[in-house]
Protein backbone atom coordinates (compact mmCIF):
# COMPACT_ATOMS: atom_id res chain seq x y z
CA UNK A 1 24.72 11.65 -97.94
CA UNK A 2 23.72 8.64 -100.07
CA UNK A 3 20.05 8.98 -99.13
CA UNK A 4 20.15 12.72 -99.83
CA UNK A 5 21.69 12.13 -103.24
CA UNK A 6 18.98 9.64 -104.11
CA UNK A 7 16.20 12.03 -103.13
CA UNK A 8 17.84 14.69 -105.23
CA UNK A 9 17.26 12.44 -108.25
CA UNK A 10 13.53 12.34 -107.53
CA UNK A 11 13.43 16.09 -107.00
CA UNK A 12 15.36 16.70 -110.21
CA UNK A 13 13.03 14.47 -112.23
CA UNK A 14 9.93 16.09 -110.74
CA UNK A 15 11.27 19.57 -111.43
CA UNK A 16 12.12 18.75 -115.06
CA UNK A 17 8.71 17.18 -115.59
CA UNK A 18 6.85 20.16 -114.13
CA UNK A 19 8.96 22.61 -116.11
CA UNK A 20 8.17 20.82 -119.36
CA UNK A 21 4.51 20.42 -118.48
CA UNK A 22 4.02 24.18 -118.11
CA UNK A 23 3.81 24.45 -121.92
CA UNK A 24 0.46 22.64 -121.63
CA UNK A 25 -0.84 25.14 -119.00
CA UNK A 26 -1.92 22.56 -116.39
CA UNK A 27 -4.57 23.48 -113.85
CA UNK A 28 -3.10 21.13 -111.27
CA UNK A 29 -0.50 18.40 -110.77
CA UNK A 30 -0.82 15.91 -107.92
CA UNK A 31 1.14 12.96 -106.55
CA UNK A 32 -0.62 9.90 -105.20
CA UNK A 33 0.55 6.42 -104.26
CA UNK A 34 3.71 5.91 -102.21
CA UNK A 35 5.13 9.40 -102.66
CA UNK A 36 1.99 11.02 -101.27
CA UNK A 37 1.36 8.36 -98.63
CA UNK A 38 4.81 8.50 -97.05
CA UNK A 39 6.05 5.06 -98.14
CA UNK A 40 8.11 6.12 -101.15
CA UNK A 41 11.26 4.04 -101.67
CA UNK A 42 13.75 5.80 -103.92
CA UNK A 43 14.57 3.76 -106.98
CA UNK A 44 11.99 1.09 -106.09
CA UNK A 45 8.66 2.92 -105.93
CA UNK A 46 6.85 4.39 -108.89
CA UNK A 47 6.35 8.15 -109.05
CA UNK A 48 2.57 8.28 -109.59
CA UNK A 49 1.21 11.60 -110.83
CA UNK A 50 -2.02 13.13 -112.09
CA UNK A 51 -2.07 16.27 -114.26
CA UNK A 52 -5.24 18.23 -115.00
CA UNK A 53 -5.12 20.03 -118.34
CA UNK A 54 -7.47 22.93 -119.11
CA UNK A 55 -8.80 21.78 -122.51
CA UNK A 56 -9.95 18.71 -124.41
CA UNK A 57 -7.04 16.40 -125.18
CA UNK A 58 -6.35 16.33 -128.91
CA UNK A 59 -3.87 14.44 -131.06
CA UNK A 60 -1.57 17.45 -130.77
CA UNK A 61 -1.78 17.19 -126.96
CA UNK A 62 -0.89 13.50 -127.12
CA UNK A 63 2.15 14.24 -129.25
CA UNK A 64 3.32 16.92 -126.83
CA UNK A 65 2.87 14.59 -123.85
CA UNK A 66 4.87 11.87 -125.61
CA UNK A 67 7.63 14.35 -126.46
CA UNK A 68 7.72 15.55 -122.85
CA UNK A 69 8.16 12.07 -121.40
CA UNK A 70 10.65 10.98 -124.02
CA UNK A 71 12.67 14.07 -123.23
CA UNK A 72 13.03 12.84 -119.65
CA UNK A 73 14.60 9.49 -120.55
CA UNK A 74 18.09 10.62 -119.54
CA UNK A 75 16.90 10.93 -115.94
CA UNK A 76 17.71 7.74 -113.96
CA UNK A 77 14.24 7.41 -112.47
CA UNK A 78 12.26 8.37 -115.58
CA UNK A 79 10.93 4.82 -116.22
CA UNK A 80 9.16 4.99 -112.87
CA UNK A 81 7.32 8.25 -113.57
CA UNK A 82 3.71 7.55 -114.53
CA UNK A 83 1.16 10.29 -115.19
CA UNK A 84 -2.52 10.35 -116.14
CA UNK A 85 -3.92 13.44 -117.83
CA UNK A 86 -7.42 14.63 -116.93
CA UNK A 87 -9.50 17.57 -118.11
CA UNK A 88 -12.30 19.36 -116.21
CA UNK A 89 -14.83 17.77 -118.57
CA UNK A 90 -13.70 14.21 -117.87
CA UNK A 91 -12.29 14.40 -114.35
CA UNK A 92 -15.48 13.42 -112.50
CA UNK A 93 -15.95 10.12 -114.34
CA UNK A 94 -14.15 7.26 -112.51
CA UNK A 95 -14.62 4.94 -115.50
CA UNK A 96 -13.41 7.31 -118.22
CA UNK A 97 -10.12 6.13 -119.80
CA UNK A 98 -7.65 9.01 -119.54
CA UNK A 99 -4.51 9.60 -121.52
CA UNK A 100 -1.70 8.04 -119.45
CA UNK A 101 2.05 7.71 -119.79
CA UNK A 102 3.33 4.55 -118.06
CA UNK A 103 5.90 1.86 -118.75
CA UNK A 104 7.49 4.01 -121.47
CA UNK A 105 4.45 4.39 -123.69
CA UNK A 106 1.05 6.06 -123.90
CA UNK A 107 -2.17 4.28 -123.05
CA UNK A 108 -5.63 5.11 -121.80
CA UNK A 109 -6.86 3.98 -118.42
CA UNK A 110 -9.25 5.21 -115.71
CA UNK A 111 -8.25 7.07 -112.58
CA UNK A 112 -9.78 4.57 -110.19
CA UNK A 113 -11.87 5.16 -107.07
CA UNK A 114 -8.86 4.02 -105.00
CA UNK A 115 -6.63 6.67 -106.57
CA UNK A 116 -9.36 9.28 -106.17
CA UNK A 117 -9.78 8.42 -102.49
CA UNK A 118 -5.98 8.64 -102.07
CA UNK A 119 -5.98 12.07 -103.64
CA UNK A 120 -8.70 13.28 -101.29
CA UNK A 121 -7.15 11.65 -98.20
CA UNK A 122 -3.47 12.46 -98.64
CA UNK A 123 -2.78 13.62 -102.21
CA UNK A 124 0.28 15.81 -102.54
CA UNK A 125 -0.18 19.02 -104.52
CA UNK A 126 2.83 19.66 -106.74
CA UNK A 127 1.22 22.52 -108.64
CA UNK A 128 -2.07 24.42 -108.79
CA UNK A 129 -5.40 23.53 -107.24
CA UNK A 130 -5.99 20.82 -104.64
CA UNK A 131 -7.85 17.60 -105.57
CA UNK A 132 -10.83 18.54 -103.41
CA UNK A 133 -11.57 21.46 -105.69
CA UNK A 134 -11.57 19.44 -108.92
CA UNK A 135 -12.57 15.85 -108.08
CA UNK A 136 -15.82 14.74 -106.44
CA UNK A 137 -15.42 12.70 -103.24
CA UNK A 138 -15.61 8.90 -103.43
CA UNK A 139 -18.43 7.39 -101.34
CA UNK A 140 -17.55 4.33 -99.27
CA UNK A 141 -19.91 2.17 -101.30
CA UNK A 142 -18.28 3.12 -104.60
CA UNK A 143 -14.83 2.45 -103.16
CA UNK A 144 -15.85 -0.96 -101.80
CA UNK A 145 -17.54 -1.99 -105.05
CA UNK A 146 -14.41 -1.16 -107.03
CA UNK A 147 -12.13 -3.05 -104.64
CA UNK A 148 -14.32 -6.17 -104.88
CA UNK A 149 -14.39 -5.97 -108.70
CA UNK A 150 -10.63 -5.54 -108.83
CA UNK A 151 -10.04 -8.62 -106.68
CA UNK A 152 -12.67 -10.70 -108.47
CA UNK A 153 -12.17 -9.67 -112.11
CA UNK A 154 -8.46 -8.85 -112.27
CA UNK A 155 -6.51 -10.53 -109.50
CA UNK A 156 -8.46 -13.81 -109.21
CA UNK A 157 -8.07 -14.73 -112.90
CA UNK A 158 -4.41 -13.70 -112.74
CA UNK A 159 -3.79 -16.22 -109.95
CA UNK A 160 -4.50 -19.02 -112.44
CA UNK A 161 -1.71 -17.85 -114.79
CA UNK A 162 1.32 -19.50 -113.24
CA UNK A 163 3.88 -17.84 -115.53
CA UNK A 164 3.04 -14.40 -114.13
CA UNK A 165 4.00 -15.36 -110.61
CA UNK A 166 7.66 -15.88 -111.43
CA UNK A 167 7.91 -12.08 -111.63
CA UNK A 168 8.54 -9.93 -108.55
CA UNK A 169 5.88 -7.39 -109.46
CA UNK A 170 3.04 -9.92 -109.49
CA UNK A 171 4.03 -11.48 -106.18
CA UNK A 172 4.49 -8.10 -104.52
CA UNK A 173 1.39 -6.37 -105.82
CA UNK A 174 -0.77 -9.46 -105.58
CA UNK A 175 -0.22 -9.91 -101.85
CA UNK A 176 -0.01 -6.24 -100.94
CA UNK A 177 -3.13 -5.32 -102.91
CA UNK A 178 -5.04 -8.13 -101.24
CA UNK A 179 -4.11 -6.94 -97.74
CA UNK A 180 -5.03 -3.38 -98.63
CA UNK A 181 -8.34 -4.55 -100.09
CA UNK A 182 -9.12 -6.46 -96.90
CA UNK A 183 -8.64 -3.35 -94.75
CA UNK A 184 -10.57 -1.11 -97.14
CA UNK A 185 -13.55 -3.46 -97.13
CA UNK A 186 -13.52 -3.95 -93.37
CA UNK A 187 -12.76 -0.40 -92.30
CA UNK A 188 -13.41 1.86 -95.34
CA UNK A 189 -9.88 3.27 -95.23
CA UNK A 190 -6.68 3.06 -97.23
CA UNK A 191 -3.36 1.81 -95.93
CA UNK A 192 0.20 1.98 -97.23
CA UNK A 193 2.15 -0.93 -98.69
CA UNK A 194 4.29 -0.99 -95.54
CA UNK A 195 1.18 -1.36 -93.38
CA UNK A 196 -0.14 -4.06 -95.71
CA UNK A 197 3.12 -5.96 -95.41
CA UNK A 198 2.85 -5.97 -91.63
CA UNK A 199 -0.72 -7.27 -91.78
CA UNK A 200 -0.13 -10.11 -94.23
CA UNK A 201 1.12 -12.74 -91.73
CA UNK A 202 -2.00 -12.21 -89.63
CA UNK A 203 -4.10 -12.76 -92.75
CA UNK A 204 -2.47 -16.15 -93.26
CA UNK A 205 0.00 -15.23 -95.98
CA UNK A 206 3.12 -17.44 -96.25
CA UNK A 207 5.85 -15.95 -94.08
CA UNK A 208 8.61 -16.84 -96.54
CA UNK A 209 6.98 -14.79 -99.25
CA UNK A 210 6.23 -11.84 -96.95
CA UNK A 211 9.87 -11.78 -95.83
CA UNK A 212 11.01 -11.88 -99.46
CA UNK A 213 8.85 -8.86 -100.32
CA UNK A 214 10.12 -6.96 -97.28
CA UNK A 215 13.75 -7.58 -98.15
CA UNK A 216 13.34 -6.47 -101.75
CA UNK A 217 11.31 -3.39 -100.88
CA UNK A 218 13.05 -2.13 -97.76
CA UNK A 219 16.36 -3.94 -97.42
CA UNK A 220 19.00 -5.60 -99.57
CA UNK A 221 17.43 -8.57 -101.34
CA UNK A 222 18.96 -11.97 -100.73
CA UNK A 223 20.44 -13.97 -103.59
CA UNK A 224 17.69 -16.13 -105.09
CA UNK A 225 17.57 -19.28 -107.18
CA UNK A 226 15.25 -20.46 -109.92
CA UNK A 227 13.88 -23.03 -107.47
CA UNK A 228 12.99 -20.31 -104.97
CA UNK A 229 11.40 -18.12 -107.64
CA UNK A 230 9.19 -21.01 -108.72
CA UNK A 231 8.36 -21.99 -105.12
CA UNK A 232 7.59 -18.39 -104.17
CA UNK A 233 5.14 -18.10 -107.05
CA UNK A 234 3.35 -21.30 -106.11
CA UNK A 235 3.12 -20.24 -102.46
CA UNK A 236 1.66 -16.88 -103.46
CA UNK A 237 -0.88 -18.47 -105.80
CA UNK A 238 -1.88 -21.15 -103.30
CA UNK A 239 -2.58 -18.46 -100.72
CA UNK A 240 -4.23 -15.83 -102.88
CA UNK A 241 -6.72 -18.01 -104.74
CA UNK A 242 -8.73 -19.12 -101.67
CA UNK A 243 -8.12 -15.80 -99.87
CA UNK A 244 -9.61 -13.77 -102.73
CA UNK A 245 -12.53 -16.20 -103.03
CA UNK A 246 -13.35 -15.73 -99.33
CA UNK A 247 -13.03 -11.94 -99.58
CA UNK A 248 -15.30 -11.71 -102.62
CA UNK A 249 -17.83 -14.08 -101.04
CA UNK A 250 -17.93 -11.95 -97.89
CA UNK A 251 -18.22 -8.54 -99.58
CA UNK A 252 -19.42 -9.18 -103.11
């Protein structure tokens, strides 16, 4: 009953969002990430969405999007709902910065080749047309080039910023994204965070850190101390720096 009640919160949030979005006459709404890939953890995973709007996004559109998301704040899971807004004119460009609501404010960011490949491979249609009818496919070469750039230009510099690695999100995403990148570059396919977690020990990741991620994502997290938080960050950084360097050298 507890699990059912939790899923009802996700369903309720999704339904309220879609109901409010109808005023903008979307062409399609899709889920990607954990919800689409079957690894969604209620209350822990983000609810990652893409909405395709029929017309050019104006200042009036932005205001309506902001009002829509702010109107959802009473929902318990609302902070985890992220949505990028595309239009037919801009949807094909993987580098175009799209209007996005995430982390309780608006921003502009691209819908990356990884997200686009997810949408084609296992995107979940919540409303309207399927991704294959509106987004061009992502060639393996384009996907690989993006993954290498992401590891080299975003994650490798981040490893040198020690303060970041006291936060759960950097430890979790840093290691999981690396394992997923490794598989994508070797096999030209995407894997879930759960699969990445299982692969990390074989890639040489510190077992203590992998176990910590697993507990916090799938189980009840153990009580932690400031000493462990600091040690965990240093272990993650000590592993990721050389690992990313080797990956980029091999595929860059």
